[in-house]
Amino acid sequence: MQQTIDFLDESRALCALLTPLSEAEFEMPTQFKGWTINNIIRHLHVWNIAVDLSLQDEAALGAFVAAMMAVVRGGKLPEFEASYLDGLSGHALRNAWIAHAGTTADAFASADPKLRLKWVGPDMSALSSITARLMETWAHGQAVYDVLGMERQDTDRIGNIVRLGVNTWGFTWKNRRIEPPGQMPKLRLSAPSGAVWEYGEPSESGMIFGSATEFCQVVTQCRNIADTALEVTGEVAHQWMAVAQCFAGPPQDPPIKGTRHRADKGV
C-alpha cells in the first residue's frame, strides 16, 4: 500500500522538525487545546501502537481500549497517554515514536488492504487504518509546525487526506444526526505539485476551489474556513466547510476564527 510509505514519510518529516529542539521546547504549549509538543507526539505514538494491536492482537487492543476508556472521560486523554508511556518525553519520546512508526509501516505494508480490523469506533479496513494514521500525523503535526513558526512543505501525499475529506462527506452529517443538505459540492483543488484534483459534479450545492493543503486543514479542523483563501460558493458548500470532520469520534467544531495560525517567529 502506497499509504504505508506516505505515512512513514509524513512521520519522518515531522521528526526532522523536532530534531533541533531542546528538551524544554518539547513542553511548549500549542494552539491545539493547549497540548504541548510532548502531548502531541505521545498521542501519535500511543495510537500507532494501538493500530498495530488492531492488526496483530485483537484481544490486546480490547484491553487497551478498556483501560483507556476507564481513564479518559473528562478530557484526560493526555494524562492516559503519558501514563501509558511511563512519562516518556523529549528526544527519547521522539526516538521511540519514529522507530515505532517504521514498525507500523512495515506491518501494514504486508497486510491485505481489505482486511477488516477492530477499532475504537467502527471496524476499518487495513487501508483505511493506515490512511487514518497518516491523516492524524499530518493534522496533529500542523500544531507543531504552527507553534514553531514553520511553514510545512507539503507533497502530493496529502491527496490521501483530500480523499478522506471527500469520503467523509456523509459521515460529517450522520455524526451530527443531520440529513445531508444536498449533493456534495464540486471540488477543484491545486495539489502541491501543481496538479489539479477534482471531485464531485457541478450542482446547486456549489463549489470549493483553491489549495489542497487548505482543504485538508479545514476537514481535519486545523483551520477555520475563514482563515483560508479557499473560495466557496453555494449554501451547501458553506455549510459543509463550517462543520467538516474527516476524523472519527463525536462531532467536533472547528477552531474559532483566528485561533489556529502559524506563529510569527520560528525557533
C-alpha atoms as a PDB file:
ATOM      1  CA  MET A   1       0.000   0.000   0.000  1.00  0.00           C
ATOM      2  CA  GLN A   2       1.422   3.363  -1.028  1.00  0.00           C
ATOM      3  CA  GLN A   3      -0.229   4.779   2.088  1.00  0.00           C
ATOM      4  CA  THR A   4       2.302   2.958   4.286  1.00  0.00           C
ATOM      5  CA  ILE A   5       5.114   4.825   2.545  1.00  0.00           C
ATOM      6  CA  ASP A   6       3.209   8.103   2.768  1.00  0.00           C
ATOM      7  CA  PHE A   7       2.557   7.583   6.490  1.00  0.00           C
ATOM      8  CA  LEU A   8       6.222   6.949   7.211  1.00  0.00           C
ATOM      9  CA  ASP A   9       7.392   9.859   5.060  1.00  0.00           C
ATOM     10  CA  GLU A  10       4.996  12.236   6.875  1.00  0.00           C
ATOM     11  CA  SER A  11       6.241  10.927  10.218  1.00  0.00           C
ATOM     12  CA  ARG A  12       9.862  11.440   9.184  1.00  0.00           C
ATOM     13  CA  ALA A  13       9.159  15.000   8.044  1.00  0.00           C
ATOM     14  CA  LEU A  14       7.695  15.819  11.457  1.00  0.00           C
ATOM     15  CA  CYS A  15      10.599  14.059  13.166  1.00  0.00           C
ATOM     16  CA  ALA A  16      13.074  16.243  11.282  1.00  0.00           C
ATOM     17  CA  LEU A  17      11.238  19.325  12.526  1.00  0.00           C
ATOM     18  CA  LEU A  18      11.658  18.124  16.113  1.00  0.00           C
ATOM     19  CA  THR A  19      15.328  17.205  15.874  1.00  0.00           C
ATOM     20  CA  PRO A  20      16.815  20.685  16.650  1.00  0.00           C
ATOM     21  CA  LEU A  21      14.563  21.284  19.692  1.00  0.00           C
ATOM     22  CA  SER A  22      15.838  21.404  23.235  1.00  0.00           C
ATOM     23  CA  GLU A  23      14.225  19.189  25.859  1.00  0.00           C
ATOM     24  CA  ALA A  24      12.487  22.252  27.317  1.00  0.00           C
ATOM     25  CA  GLU A  25      10.977  23.192  23.962  1.00  0.00           C
ATOM     26  CA  PHE A  26       9.057  19.907  23.864  1.00  0.00           C
ATOM     27  CA  GLU A  27       6.968  21.405  26.679  1.00  0.00           C
ATOM     28  CA  MET A  28       5.866  24.380  24.561  1.00  0.00           C
ATOM     29  CA  PRO A  29       2.037  24.630  24.560  1.00  0.00           C
ATOM     30  CA  THR A  30       0.473  24.640  21.097  1.00  0.00           C
ATOM     31  CA  GLN A  31      -2.757  26.189  19.824  1.00  0.00           C
ATOM     32  CA  PHE A  32      -4.413  22.742  19.842  1.00  0.00           C
ATOM     33  CA  LYS A  33      -6.192  22.588  23.233  1.00  0.00           C
ATOM     34  CA  GLY A  34      -3.005  23.853  24.862  1.00  0.00           C
ATOM     35  CA  TRP A  35      -1.349  20.467  24.264  1.00  0.00           C
ATOM     36  CA  THR A  36       2.414  20.579  24.442  1.00  0.00           C
ATOM     37  CA  ILE A  37       4.624  19.125  21.727  1.00  0.00           C
ATOM     38  CA  ASN A  38       5.226  16.222  24.108  1.00  0.00           C
ATOM     39  CA  ASN A  39       1.463  15.679  24.364  1.00  0.00           C
ATOM     40  CA  ILE A  40       1.132  15.583  20.583  1.00  0.00           C
ATOM     41  CA  ILE A  41       3.989  13.140  19.973  1.00  0.00           C
ATOM     42  CA  ARG A  42       2.789  10.897  22.795  1.00  0.00           C
ATOM     43  CA  HIS A  43      -0.669  10.897  21.226  1.00  0.00           C
ATOM     44  CA  LEU A  44       0.706   9.884  17.836  1.00  0.00           C
ATOM     45  CA  HIS A  45       2.943   7.209  19.369  1.00  0.00           C
ATOM     46  CA  VAL A  46       0.235   5.649  21.553  1.00  0.00           C
ATOM     47  CA  TRP A  47      -2.267   5.382  18.714  1.00  0.00           C
ATOM     48  CA  ASN A  48       0.352   3.981  16.336  1.00  0.00           C
ATOM     49  CA  ILE A  49       0.869   1.283  18.967  1.00  0.00           C
ATOM     50  CA  ALA A  50      -2.891   0.765  19.146  1.00  0.00           C
ATOM     51  CA  VAL A  51      -3.268   0.405  15.378  1.00  0.00           C
ATOM     52  CA  ASP A  52      -0.518  -2.233  15.444  1.00  0.00           C
ATOM     53  CA  LEU A  53      -2.546  -4.125  18.064  1.00  0.00           C
ATOM     54  CA  SER A  54      -5.593  -3.954  15.786  1.00  0.00           C
ATOM     55  CA  LEU A  55      -3.568  -5.742  13.119  1.00  0.00           C
ATOM     56  CA  GLN A  56      -1.756  -8.270  15.288  1.00  0.00           C
ATOM     57  CA  ASP A  57      -3.547  -8.837  18.618  1.00  0.00           C
ATOM     58  CA  GLU A  58      -7.274  -8.094  18.801  1.00  0.00           C
ATOM     59  CA  ALA A  59      -7.516  -9.172  22.448  1.00  0.00           C
ATOM     60  CA  ALA A  60      -4.689  -6.812  23.439  1.00  0.00           C
ATOM     61  CA  LEU A  61      -6.426  -3.989  21.569  1.00  0.00           C
ATOM     62  CA  GLY A  62      -9.600  -4.691  23.551  1.00  0.00           C
ATOM     63  CA  ALA A  63      -7.673  -4.477  26.815  1.00  0.00           C
ATOM     64  CA  PHE A  64      -6.020  -1.227  25.680  1.00  0.00           C
ATOM     65  CA  VAL A  65      -9.377   0.341  24.793  1.00  0.00           C
ATOM     66  CA  ALA A  66     -10.933  -0.729  28.104  1.00  0.00           C
ATOM     67  CA  ALA A  67      -8.037   0.787  30.064  1.00  0.00           C
ATOM     68  CA  MET A  68      -8.204   3.969  28.011  1.00  0.00           C
ATOM     69  CA  MET A  69     -11.976   4.390  28.379  1.00  0.00           C
ATOM     70  CA  ALA A  70     -11.727   3.954  32.154  1.00  0.00           C
ATOM     71  CA  VAL A  71      -9.440   6.984  32.364  1.00  0.00           C
ATOM     72  CA  VAL A  72     -10.173   9.436  29.578  1.00  0.00           C
ATOM     73  CA  ARG A  73     -13.701  10.533  30.488  1.00  0.00           C
ATOM     74  CA  GLY A  74     -13.486  14.181  31.410  1.00  0.00           C
ATOM     75  CA  GLY A  75     -10.874  15.101  28.824  1.00  0.00           C
ATOM     76  CA  LYS A  76      -7.947  13.247  30.383  1.00  0.00           C
ATOM     77  CA  LEU A  77      -6.591  11.618  27.228  1.00  0.00           C
ATOM     78  CA  PRO A  78      -3.143  13.295  27.511  1.00  0.00           C
ATOM     79  CA  GLU A  79      -2.846  12.024  31.085  1.00  0.00           C
ATOM     80  CA  PHE A  80      -3.673   8.475  29.993  1.00  0.00           C
ATOM     81  CA  GLU A  81      -1.149   8.626  27.153  1.00  0.00           C
ATOM     82  CA  ALA A  82       1.600   9.968  29.425  1.00  0.00           C
ATOM     83  CA  SER A  83       0.912   7.200  31.935  1.00  0.00           C
ATOM     84  CA  TYR A  84       0.804   4.540  29.217  1.00  0.00           C
ATOM     85  CA  LEU A  85       4.274   5.626  28.076  1.00  0.00           C
ATOM     86  CA  ASP A  86       5.625   5.993  31.642  1.00  0.00           C
ATOM     87  CA  GLY A  87       6.114   9.721  31.134  1.00  0.00           C
ATOM     88  CA  LEU A  88       8.380   9.353  28.098  1.00  0.00           C
ATOM     89  CA  SER A  89       9.221  12.819  26.771  1.00  0.00           C
ATOM     90  CA  GLY A  90      11.552  14.935  24.664  1.00  0.00           C
ATOM     91  CA  HIS A  91      14.050  13.308  22.358  1.00  0.00           C
ATOM     92  CA  ALA A  92      13.625   9.884  23.969  1.00  0.00           C
ATOM     93  CA  LEU A  93       9.944  10.109  23.047  1.00  0.00           C
ATOM     94  CA  ARG A  94      10.784  11.326  19.542  1.00  0.00           C
ATOM     95  CA  ASN A  95      13.150   8.405  19.017  1.00  0.00           C
ATOM     96  CA  ALA A  96      10.666   5.813  20.291  1.00  0.00           C
ATOM     97  CA  TRP A  97       7.817   7.272  18.211  1.00  0.00           C
ATOM     98  CA  ILE A  98       9.708   7.401  14.919  1.00  0.00           C
ATOM     99  CA  ALA A  99      11.175   3.927  15.403  1.00  0.00           C
ATOM    100  CA  HIS A 100       7.716   2.504  16.033  1.00  0.00           C
ATOM    101  CA  ALA A 101       6.316   4.398  13.042  1.00  0.00           C
ATOM    102  CA  GLY A 102       8.693   2.340  10.916  1.00  0.00           C
ATOM    103  CA  THR A 103       7.439  -0.828  12.580  1.00  0.00           C
ATOM    104  CA  THR A 104       3.850   0.196  11.870  1.00  0.00           C
ATOM    105  CA  ALA A 105       4.618   0.950   8.228  1.00  0.00           C
ATOM    106  CA  ASP A 106       6.330  -2.434   7.792  1.00  0.00           C
ATOM    107  CA  ALA A 107       3.424  -4.297   9.378  1.00  0.00           C
ATOM    108  CA  PHE A 108       0.801  -2.637   7.197  1.00  0.00           C
ATOM    109  CA  ALA A 109       2.910  -2.929   4.048  1.00  0.00           C
ATOM    110  CA  SER A 110       2.420  -6.705   4.116  1.00  0.00           C
ATOM    111  CA  ALA A 111      -1.259  -6.612   5.161  1.00  0.00           C
ATOM    112  CA  ASP A 112      -4.250  -7.234   2.900  1.00  0.00           C
ATOM    113  CA  PRO A 113      -5.656  -3.727   2.261  1.00  0.00           C
ATOM    114  CA  LYS A 114      -9.211  -5.110   2.600  1.00  0.00           C
ATOM    115  CA  LEU A 115      -8.608  -6.870   5.924  1.00  0.00           C
ATOM    116  CA  ARG A 116     -11.210  -5.696   8.472  1.00  0.00           C
ATOM    117  CA  LEU A 117      -9.714  -4.506  11.749  1.00  0.00           C
ATOM    118  CA  LYS A 118     -11.353  -3.741  15.080  1.00  0.00           C
ATOM    119  CA  TRP A 119     -11.021  -0.173  16.309  1.00  0.00           C
ATOM    120  CA  VAL A 120     -12.328   2.156  18.997  1.00  0.00           C
ATOM    121  CA  GLY A 121     -15.215   3.085  16.709  1.00  0.00           C
ATOM    122  CA  PRO A 122     -16.482   1.079  13.745  1.00  0.00           C
ATOM    123  CA  ASP A 123     -14.251  -1.573  12.183  1.00  0.00           C
ATOM    124  CA  MET A 124     -11.971  -0.309   9.420  1.00  0.00           C
ATOM    125  CA  SER A 125     -10.047  -1.860   6.574  1.00  0.00           C
ATOM    126  CA  ALA A 126      -6.265  -2.041   6.859  1.00  0.00           C
ATOM    127  CA  LEU A 127      -6.077   0.556   4.076  1.00  0.00           C
ATOM    128  CA  SER A 128      -8.370   2.949   5.957  1.00  0.00           C
ATOM    129  CA  SER A 129      -6.484   2.344   9.213  1.00  0.00           C
ATOM    130  CA  ILE A 130      -3.059   3.320   7.896  1.00  0.00           C
ATOM    131  CA  THR A 131      -4.555   6.234   5.945  1.00  0.00           C
ATOM    132  CA  ALA A 132      -6.098   7.468   9.186  1.00  0.00           C
ATOM    133  CA  ARG A 133      -2.673   7.302  10.857  1.00  0.00           C
ATOM    134  CA  LEU A 134      -1.238   9.401   8.034  1.00  0.00           C
ATOM    135  CA  MET A 135      -4.067  11.922   8.464  1.00  0.00           C
ATOM    136  CA  GLU A 136      -3.580  12.087  12.244  1.00  0.00           C
ATOM    137  CA  THR A 137       0.178  12.572  11.861  1.00  0.00           C
ATOM    138  CA  TRP A 138      -0.352  15.373   9.359  1.00  0.00           C
ATOM    139  CA  ALA A 139      -3.174  17.043  11.303  1.00  0.00           C
ATOM    140  CA  HIS A 140      -1.573  16.963  14.752  1.00  0.00           C
ATOM    141  CA  GLY A 141       1.754  17.841  13.193  1.00  0.00           C
ATOM    142  CA  GLN A 142       0.202  21.103  11.989  1.00  0.00           C
ATOM    143  CA  ALA A 143       0.064  22.378  15.571  1.00  0.00           C
ATOM    144  CA  VAL A 144       3.798  21.728  15.915  1.00  0.00           C
ATOM    145  CA  TYR A 145       4.648  23.500  12.666  1.00  0.00           C
ATOM    146  CA  ASP A 146       2.446  26.406  13.785  1.00  0.00           C
ATOM    147  CA  VAL A 147       3.965  26.896  17.242  1.00  0.00           C
ATOM    148  CA  LEU A 148       7.481  26.741  15.778  1.00  0.00           C
ATOM    149  CA  GLY A 149       6.564  29.319  13.154  1.00  0.00           C
ATOM    150  CA  MET A 150       7.427  26.960  10.324  1.00  0.00           C
ATOM    151  CA  GLU A 151       5.588  26.609   7.021  1.00  0.00           C
ATOM    152  CA  ARG A 152       5.241  22.948   6.068  1.00  0.00           C
ATOM    153  CA  GLN A 153       6.313  21.968   2.556  1.00  0.00           C
ATOM    154  CA  ASP A 154       3.558  19.548   1.617  1.00  0.00           C
ATOM    155  CA  THR A 155       3.803  16.885  -1.077  1.00  0.00           C
ATOM    156  CA  ASP A 156       1.097  15.138  -3.057  1.00  0.00           C
ATOM    157  CA  ARG A 157       0.782  12.511  -0.341  1.00  0.00           C
ATOM    158  CA  ILE A 158      -1.846  14.849   1.125  1.00  0.00           C
ATOM    159  CA  GLY A 159      -4.057  13.511  -1.651  1.00  0.00           C
ATOM    160  CA  ASN A 160      -4.838  10.742   0.843  1.00  0.00           C
ATOM    161  CA  ILE A 161      -6.285  13.346   3.214  1.00  0.00           C
ATOM    162  CA  VAL A 162      -8.222  15.056   0.429  1.00  0.00           C
ATOM    163  CA  ARG A 163      -9.850  11.714  -0.372  1.00  0.00           C
ATOM    164  CA  LEU A 164     -10.653  11.189   3.313  1.00  0.00           C
ATOM    165  CA  GLY A 165     -12.328  14.582   3.314  1.00  0.00           C
ATOM    166  CA  VAL A 166     -14.380  13.597   0.288  1.00  0.00           C
ATOM    167  CA  ASN A 167     -15.220  10.131   1.614  1.00  0.00           C
ATOM    168  CA  THR A 168     -16.397  11.516   4.970  1.00  0.00           C
ATOM    169  CA  TRP A 169     -18.886  13.938   3.417  1.00  0.00           C
ATOM    170  CA  GLY A 170     -21.732  11.665   4.535  1.00  0.00           C
ATOM    171  CA  PHE A 171     -20.143  10.891   7.920  1.00  0.00           C
ATOM    172  CA  THR A 172     -19.956  14.592   8.791  1.00  0.00           C
ATOM    173  CA  TRP A 173     -23.756  14.863   8.666  1.00  0.00           C
ATOM    174  CA  LYS A 174     -24.575  11.424  10.092  1.00  0.00           C
ATOM    175  CA  ASN A 175     -22.267  12.121  13.034  1.00  0.00           C
ATOM    176  CA  ARG A 176     -24.301  15.235  13.806  1.00  0.00           C
ATOM    177  CA  ARG A 177     -27.614  13.441  13.218  1.00  0.00           C
ATOM    178  CA  ILE A 178     -28.386  15.786  10.337  1.00  0.00           C
ATOM    179  CA  GLU A 179     -29.604  14.835   6.895  1.00  0.00           C
ATOM    180  CA  PRO A 180     -27.140  15.884   4.180  1.00  0.00           C
ATOM    181  CA  PRO A 181     -28.372  19.274   2.950  1.00  0.00           C
ATOM    182  CA  GLY A 182     -27.840  18.319  -0.683  1.00  0.00           C
ATOM    183  CA  GLN A 183     -25.335  16.774  -3.059  1.00  0.00           C
ATOM    184  CA  MET A 184     -21.642  17.016  -2.200  1.00  0.00           C
ATOM    185  CA  PRO A 185     -20.251  20.225  -3.735  1.00  0.00           C
ATOM    186  CA  LYS A 186     -17.728  20.005  -6.533  1.00  0.00           C
ATOM    187  CA  LEU A 187     -14.076  20.343  -5.537  1.00  0.00           C
ATOM    188  CA  ARG A 188     -11.312  21.763  -7.685  1.00  0.00           C
ATOM    189  CA  LEU A 189      -8.067  21.814  -5.717  1.00  0.00           C
ATOM    190  CA  SER A 190      -4.475  22.655  -6.546  1.00  0.00           C
ATOM    191  CA  ALA A 191      -2.071  19.936  -5.366  1.00  0.00           C
ATOM    192  CA  PRO A 192       1.393  20.799  -4.001  1.00  0.00           C
ATOM    193  CA  SER A 193       2.857  19.540  -7.312  1.00  0.00           C
ATOM    194  CA  GLY A 194       0.649  21.905  -9.302  1.00  0.00           C
ATOM    195  CA  ALA A 195      -1.702  19.138 -10.444  1.00  0.00           C
ATOM    196  CA  VAL A 196      -5.431  19.805 -10.276  1.00  0.00           C
ATOM    197  CA  TRP A 197      -7.602  17.401  -8.274  1.00  0.00           C
ATOM    198  CA  GLU A 198     -11.323  17.387  -8.943  1.00  0.00           C
ATOM    199  CA  TYR A 199     -14.105  15.559  -7.124  1.00  0.00           C
ATOM    200  CA  GLY A 200     -17.864  15.683  -7.466  1.00  0.00           C
ATOM    201  CA  GLU A 201     -20.108  17.091 -10.140  1.00  0.00           C
ATOM    202  CA  PRO A 202     -21.415  20.612 -10.754  1.00  0.00           C
ATOM    203  CA  SER A 203     -24.678  21.121  -8.888  1.00  0.00           C
ATOM    204  CA  GLU A 204     -26.719  23.626  -6.937  1.00  0.00           C
ATOM    205  CA  SER A 205     -24.693  22.645  -3.862  1.00  0.00           C
ATOM    206  CA  GLY A 206     -21.910  24.913  -5.050  1.00  0.00           C
ATOM    207  CA  MET A 207     -18.170  24.595  -5.446  1.00  0.00           C
ATOM    208  CA  ILE A 208     -14.965  24.740  -3.397  1.00  0.00           C
ATOM    209  CA  PHE A 209     -11.715  25.612  -5.089  1.00  0.00           C
ATOM    210  CA  GLY A 210      -8.231  26.596  -4.057  1.00  0.00           C
ATOM    211  CA  SER A 211      -5.333  24.964  -2.204  1.00  0.00           C
ATOM    212  CA  ALA A 212      -5.497  21.243  -1.443  1.00  0.00           C
ATOM    213  CA  THR A 213      -3.440  21.951   1.682  1.00  0.00           C
ATOM    214  CA  GLU A 214      -6.045  24.413   2.941  1.00  0.00           C
ATOM    215  CA  PHE A 215      -8.870  21.982   2.165  1.00  0.00           C
ATOM    216  CA  CYS A 216      -7.034  19.386   4.280  1.00  0.00           C
ATOM    217  CA  GLN A 217      -6.607  21.931   7.067  1.00  0.00           C
ATOM    218  CA  VAL A 218     -10.357  22.559   7.108  1.00  0.00           C
ATOM    219  CA  VAL A 219     -11.553  18.922   7.017  1.00  0.00           C
ATOM    220  CA  THR A 220      -9.057  17.986   9.769  1.00  0.00           C
ATOM    221  CA  GLN A 221     -10.155  21.093  11.722  1.00  0.00           C
ATOM    222  CA  CYS A 222      -6.666  22.590  11.861  1.00  0.00           C
ATOM    223  CA  ARG A 223      -8.081  25.828  10.485  1.00  0.00           C
ATOM    224  CA  ASN A 224     -11.357  27.722  10.409  1.00  0.00           C
ATOM    225  CA  ILE A 225     -12.528  28.140   6.818  1.00  0.00           C
ATOM    226  CA  ALA A 226     -12.417  31.933   7.381  1.00  0.00           C
ATOM    227  CA  ASP A 227      -8.652  31.689   7.942  1.00  0.00           C
ATOM    228  CA  THR A 228      -8.028  30.191   4.483  1.00  0.00           C
ATOM    229  CA  ALA A 229      -8.116  31.512   0.940  1.00  0.00           C
ATOM    230  CA  LEU A 230     -10.448  28.739  -0.255  1.00  0.00           C
ATOM    231  CA  GLU A 231     -13.216  30.066  -2.487  1.00  0.00           C
ATOM    232  CA  VAL A 232     -16.586  28.636  -1.506  1.00  0.00           C
ATOM    233  CA  THR A 233     -19.799  29.177  -3.446  1.00  0.00           C
ATOM    234  CA  GLY A 234     -23.254  27.788  -2.703  1.00  0.00           C
ATOM    235  CA  GLU A 235     -25.135  27.333   0.569  1.00  0.00           C
ATOM    236  CA  VAL A 236     -24.403  23.608   0.896  1.00  0.00           C
ATOM    237  CA  ALA A 237     -20.685  24.142   0.329  1.00  0.00           C
ATOM    238  CA  HIS A 238     -20.637  26.836   3.027  1.00  0.00           C
ATOM    239  CA  GLN A 239     -22.499  24.550   5.458  1.00  0.00           C
ATOM    240  CA  TRP A 240     -20.056  21.696   4.842  1.00  0.00           C
ATOM    241  CA  MET A 241     -16.937  23.793   5.327  1.00  0.00           C
ATOM    242  CA  ALA A 242     -18.363  25.118   8.603  1.00  0.00           C
ATOM    243  CA  VAL A 243     -18.545  21.632  10.176  1.00  0.00           C
ATOM    244  CA  ALA A 244     -16.430  19.260   8.014  1.00  0.00           C
ATOM    245  CA  GLN A 245     -14.835  16.464  10.046  1.00  0.00           C
ATOM    246  CA  CYS A 246     -12.767  13.692   8.467  1.00  0.00           C
ATOM    247  CA  PHE A 247     -11.719  12.038  11.739  1.00  0.00           C
ATOM    248  CA  ALA A 248     -13.663   9.585  13.897  1.00  0.00           C
ATOM    249  CA  GLY A 249     -15.275  10.415  17.208  1.00  0.00           C
ATOM    250  CA  PRO A 250     -18.174  12.583  18.357  1.00  0.00           C
ATOM    251  CA  PRO A 251     -18.915  15.816  16.488  1.00  0.00           C
ATOM    252  CA  GLN A 252     -16.247  18.453  16.932  1.00  0.00           C
ATOM    253  CA  ASP A 253     -16.435  22.103  15.949  1.00  0.00           C
ATOM    254  CA  PRO A 254     -13.607  23.741  14.004  1.00  0.00           C
ATOM    255  CA  PRO A 255     -11.345  26.224  15.797  1.00  0.00           C
ATOM    256  CA  ILE A 256     -12.682  29.727  16.246  1.00  0.00           C
ATOM    257  CA  LYS A 257     -11.557  32.128  13.536  1.00  0.00           C
ATOM    258  CA  GLY A 258      -8.046  33.425  14.194  1.00  0.00           C
ATOM    259  CA  THR A 259      -7.113  30.886  16.874  1.00  0.00           C
ATOM    260  CA  ARG A 260      -5.081  28.448  14.756  1.00  0.00           C
ATOM    261  CA  HIS A 261      -2.307  30.014  12.714  1.00  0.00           C
ATOM    262  CA  ARG A 262       1.419  29.936  12.112  1.00  0.00           C
ATOM    263  CA  ALA A 263       3.402  31.830  14.755  1.00  0.00           C
ATOM    264  CA  ASP A 264       5.283  34.915  13.580  1.00  0.00           C
ATOM    265  CA  LYS A 265       8.679  33.575  14.527  1.00  0.00           C
ATOM    266  CA  GLY A 266      10.486  30.274  14.278  1.00  0.00           C
ATOM    267  CA  VAL A 267      12.633  28.555  16.884  1.00  0.00           C
END
